Protein backbone atom coordinates (compact mmCIF):
# COMPACT_ATOMS: atom_id res chain seq x y z
CA MET A 1 45.82 20.79 32.44
CA LEU A 2 44.03 24.17 32.40
CA THR A 3 47.21 25.98 33.46
CA ARG A 4 49.04 24.65 30.60
CA ILE A 5 46.35 25.55 28.13
CA THR A 6 46.09 29.19 29.79
CA ILE A 7 49.94 29.40 29.48
CA PHE A 8 49.93 28.34 25.83
CA LEU A 9 47.10 30.69 24.76
CA THR A 10 48.77 33.68 26.62
CA LEU A 11 52.10 32.83 24.69
CA VAL A 12 50.22 32.74 21.41
CA SER A 13 48.49 36.02 22.21
CA ALA A 14 51.81 37.68 23.36
CA GLY A 15 53.63 36.15 20.38
CA LEU A 16 51.31 37.55 17.77
CA VAL A 17 51.26 40.96 19.35
CA THR A 18 55.11 40.90 19.38
CA ILE A 19 55.09 39.95 15.70
CA GLY A 20 52.88 42.91 15.07
CA LEU A 21 55.19 45.30 16.98
CA LEU A 22 58.17 43.86 15.34
CA GLY A 23 56.75 44.35 11.92
CA GLN A 24 55.91 48.00 12.72
CA ALA A 25 59.54 48.58 14.02
CA SER A 26 61.03 46.80 10.92
CA GLY A 27 58.74 48.03 8.29
CA PHE A 28 57.99 44.17 7.76
CA SER A 29 61.48 43.84 6.08
CA GLY A 30 64.95 42.68 6.90
CA TRP A 31 65.20 40.84 9.99
CA PHE A 32 61.51 40.71 10.58
CA GLY A 33 61.12 37.38 8.56
CA GLY A 34 63.46 35.56 10.72
CA ALA A 35 62.08 36.86 14.00
CA SER A 36 58.61 36.05 13.21
CA ILE A 37 59.59 32.53 12.10
CA ALA A 38 61.43 32.01 15.36
CA ILE A 39 58.53 33.21 17.42
CA LEU A 40 56.02 31.15 15.49
CA ALA A 41 58.30 28.06 15.73
CA PHE A 42 58.60 28.43 19.45
CA LEU A 43 54.72 28.75 19.83
CA SER A 44 54.16 25.64 17.47
CA LEU A 45 56.56 23.63 19.58
CA ILE A 46 54.94 24.72 22.90
CA GLY A 47 51.52 24.06 21.30
CA PHE A 48 52.49 20.45 20.24
CA MET A 49 53.69 19.80 23.67
CA THR A 50 50.66 21.18 25.27
CA GLN A 51 48.41 19.29 22.85
CA VAL A 52 50.17 15.97 23.87
CA ARG A 53 49.76 16.64 27.46
CA VAL A 54 46.10 17.70 27.09
CA MET A 55 45.44 14.33 25.17
CA ASN A 56 47.18 12.36 27.78
CA VAL A 57 45.14 13.95 30.47
CA SER A 58 41.93 13.40 28.58
CA GLU A 59 42.77 9.79 28.48
CA GLU A 60 43.47 9.82 32.22
CA ASP A 61 40.13 11.41 32.77
CA MET A 62 38.48 8.67 31.09
CA MET A 63 40.29 6.09 32.85
CA TYR A 64 39.26 7.74 36.19
CA VAL A 65 35.51 7.82 35.04
CA VAL A 66 35.70 4.02 34.05
CA ALA A 67 37.44 3.29 37.49
CA MET A 68 34.71 5.13 39.47
CA ASN A 69 32.11 3.49 37.53
CA ARG A 70 33.73 0.11 38.56
CA LEU A 71 33.61 1.19 42.21
CA ARG A 72 30.04 2.29 41.95
CA GLY A 73 29.30 -1.15 40.46
CA ALA A 74 31.04 -3.04 43.40
CA TYR A 75 28.81 -0.96 45.78
CA VAL A 76 25.82 -1.94 43.74
CA ASP A 77 27.12 -5.66 43.97
CA LEU A 78 27.36 -5.50 47.83
CA ASP A 79 23.87 -3.79 48.20
CA PRO A 80 21.71 -3.49 45.00
CA HIS A 81 19.45 -1.02 46.75
CA VAL A 82 22.12 1.72 46.35
CA GLU A 83 21.85 1.63 42.59
CA GLU A 84 18.93 4.12 42.62
CA ILE A 85 20.91 6.69 44.49
CA PHE A 86 23.67 6.89 41.75
CA LEU A 87 23.27 9.35 38.94
CA ALA A 88 26.48 8.29 37.19
CA SER A 89 26.69 4.84 35.64
CA THR A 90 27.56 1.82 37.58
CA TYR A 91 28.93 0.08 34.35
CA ASP A 92 32.65 0.15 33.43
CA ASP A 93 32.16 -0.25 29.82
CA GLN A 94 32.12 2.35 27.09
CA ALA A 95 28.42 3.00 27.20
CA GLY A 96 28.79 3.28 30.91
CA MET A 97 31.55 5.88 30.49
CA LYS A 98 29.46 7.93 28.05
CA LEU A 99 26.51 7.81 30.42
CA THR A 100 28.78 9.13 33.19
CA TYR A 101 30.04 12.01 31.22
CA SER A 102 26.58 13.22 30.67
CA PHE A 103 23.98 11.58 32.93
CA LEU A 104 21.16 14.03 32.65
CA ARG A 105 20.87 13.67 28.87
CA ARG A 106 22.46 11.90 25.98
CA ARG A 107 25.20 13.93 24.23
CA SER A 108 27.42 12.95 21.32
CA VAL A 109 29.62 15.15 19.11
CA SER A 110 29.24 18.28 21.45
CA ILE A 111 31.38 16.87 24.03
CA LEU A 112 34.22 16.50 21.44
CA LEU A 113 33.56 19.84 19.79
CA GLY A 114 33.54 21.75 22.94
CA SER A 115 36.52 20.07 24.53
CA SER A 116 39.88 21.57 25.41
CA VAL A 117 41.44 19.04 23.14
CA MET A 118 39.56 20.47 20.09
CA LEU A 119 40.34 23.96 21.14
CA LEU A 120 44.08 23.21 21.21
CA ILE A 121 43.93 21.31 17.86
CA VAL A 122 42.37 24.44 16.16
CA VAL A 123 44.94 26.98 17.69
CA GLU A 124 47.95 24.81 17.23
CA SER A 125 47.04 24.01 13.58
CA CYS A 126 46.61 27.74 12.87
CA VAL A 127 49.84 28.71 14.55
CA THR A 128 51.72 25.84 12.74
CA GLY A 129 49.97 26.92 9.38
CA LEU A 130 51.20 30.49 10.04
CA LEU A 131 54.66 29.22 10.55
CA VAL A 132 54.58 27.43 7.32
CA GLY A 133 53.12 30.39 5.48
CA SER A 134 55.75 32.88 7.05
CA ALA A 135 58.55 30.62 6.27
CA ILE A 136 57.40 30.36 2.55
CA VAL A 137 57.18 34.27 2.27
CA ALA A 138 60.47 34.72 4.14
CA GLY A 139 62.00 32.26 1.58
CA GLY A 140 60.63 34.29 -1.33
CA GLY A 141 57.57 32.29 -2.18
CA THR A 142 54.42 34.01 -3.23
CA PHE A 143 51.61 34.95 -0.95
CA GLU A 144 49.19 32.53 -2.60
CA TRP A 145 51.52 29.60 -1.86
CA ALA A 146 52.09 30.82 1.50
CA VAL A 147 48.29 30.80 2.21
CA GLY A 148 47.66 27.50 0.53
CA LEU A 149 50.45 25.58 2.12
CA GLY A 150 49.84 27.15 5.48
CA ILE A 151 46.08 26.06 5.31
CA GLY A 152 47.16 22.79 3.93
CA VAL A 153 49.69 21.98 6.77
CA GLY A 154 47.24 23.29 9.35
CA ALA A 155 44.52 20.93 8.03
CA VAL A 156 46.94 17.92 8.01
CA LEU A 157 48.06 18.59 11.40
CA ALA A 158 44.50 18.95 12.73
CA ALA A 159 43.51 15.77 10.96
CA GLY A 160 46.85 13.95 12.41
CA PHE A 161 45.83 14.91 15.99
CA MET A 162 42.17 14.01 15.46
CA THR A 163 43.30 10.73 13.98
CA PHE A 164 45.85 9.96 16.82
CA GLY A 165 43.23 10.83 19.40
CA GLY A 166 40.65 8.63 17.74
CA VAL A 167 43.17 5.63 17.47
CA GLY A 168 44.17 5.99 21.11
CA PHE A 169 40.44 6.09 22.28
CA ARG A 170 39.60 2.98 20.24
CA SER A 171 42.88 1.25 21.32
CA ALA A 172 42.08 1.90 24.95
CA TRP A 173 38.56 0.26 24.59
CA LYS A 174 39.89 -2.54 22.48
CA ASN A 175 42.35 -3.66 25.06
CA TYR A 176 40.17 -2.92 28.22
CA VAL A 177 37.97 -5.68 29.55
CA PRO A 178 35.01 -4.27 31.48
CA ARG A 179 33.56 -6.31 34.49
CA ARG A 180 30.10 -4.93 34.29
CA ARG A 181 28.67 -4.19 30.97
CA THR A 182 25.72 -1.77 30.51
CA PRO A 183 22.54 -3.80 30.08
CA ALA A 184 20.25 -3.17 26.89
CA SER A 185 17.84 -1.60 29.26
CA THR A 186 19.41 0.87 31.53
CA PRO A 187 18.04 1.45 35.15
CA ARG A 188 15.60 4.40 35.32
CA SER A 189 17.91 6.27 37.68
CA GLN A 190 20.55 6.21 34.93
CA ARG A 191 18.69 7.41 31.98
């Protein structure tokens, strides 16, 4: 996953530098508009593909955490004394998953805000917003419309990706039936 993210961010950097160099070479006129739109469209497509893959991998990571929690729970069922050894959760429900992701302290929104998914949402939304703004200017639209619609499309894309991710997350937990639910009082070793 990190390789794909690195490739995408490298392409974005190289693409924006290329647009700048093409702008200098063309005086930002003539064929420049078409060239910059083509570059931004390519970056937007690669970004979309990368975003989808990273969201899939994030869901797979969640599945593996839940599966490992279930395995730890099975060990505890076989020998209850081993529970005090585990730092990560032995419960395969949503609360257990959250505990495993951060077993030394409780965290909430920082996990999402610092995630690779969120980084890609921001970068992909900016690239797509630039694409829309560039297309408007190349088509003869005003700078104000280009900025406004570029920001609007970027914001809608970001909201769409966040909604898609949230719906997928909730759907996974709605359809999954855990075998071991986190009790109201979590064992001391898992606080």
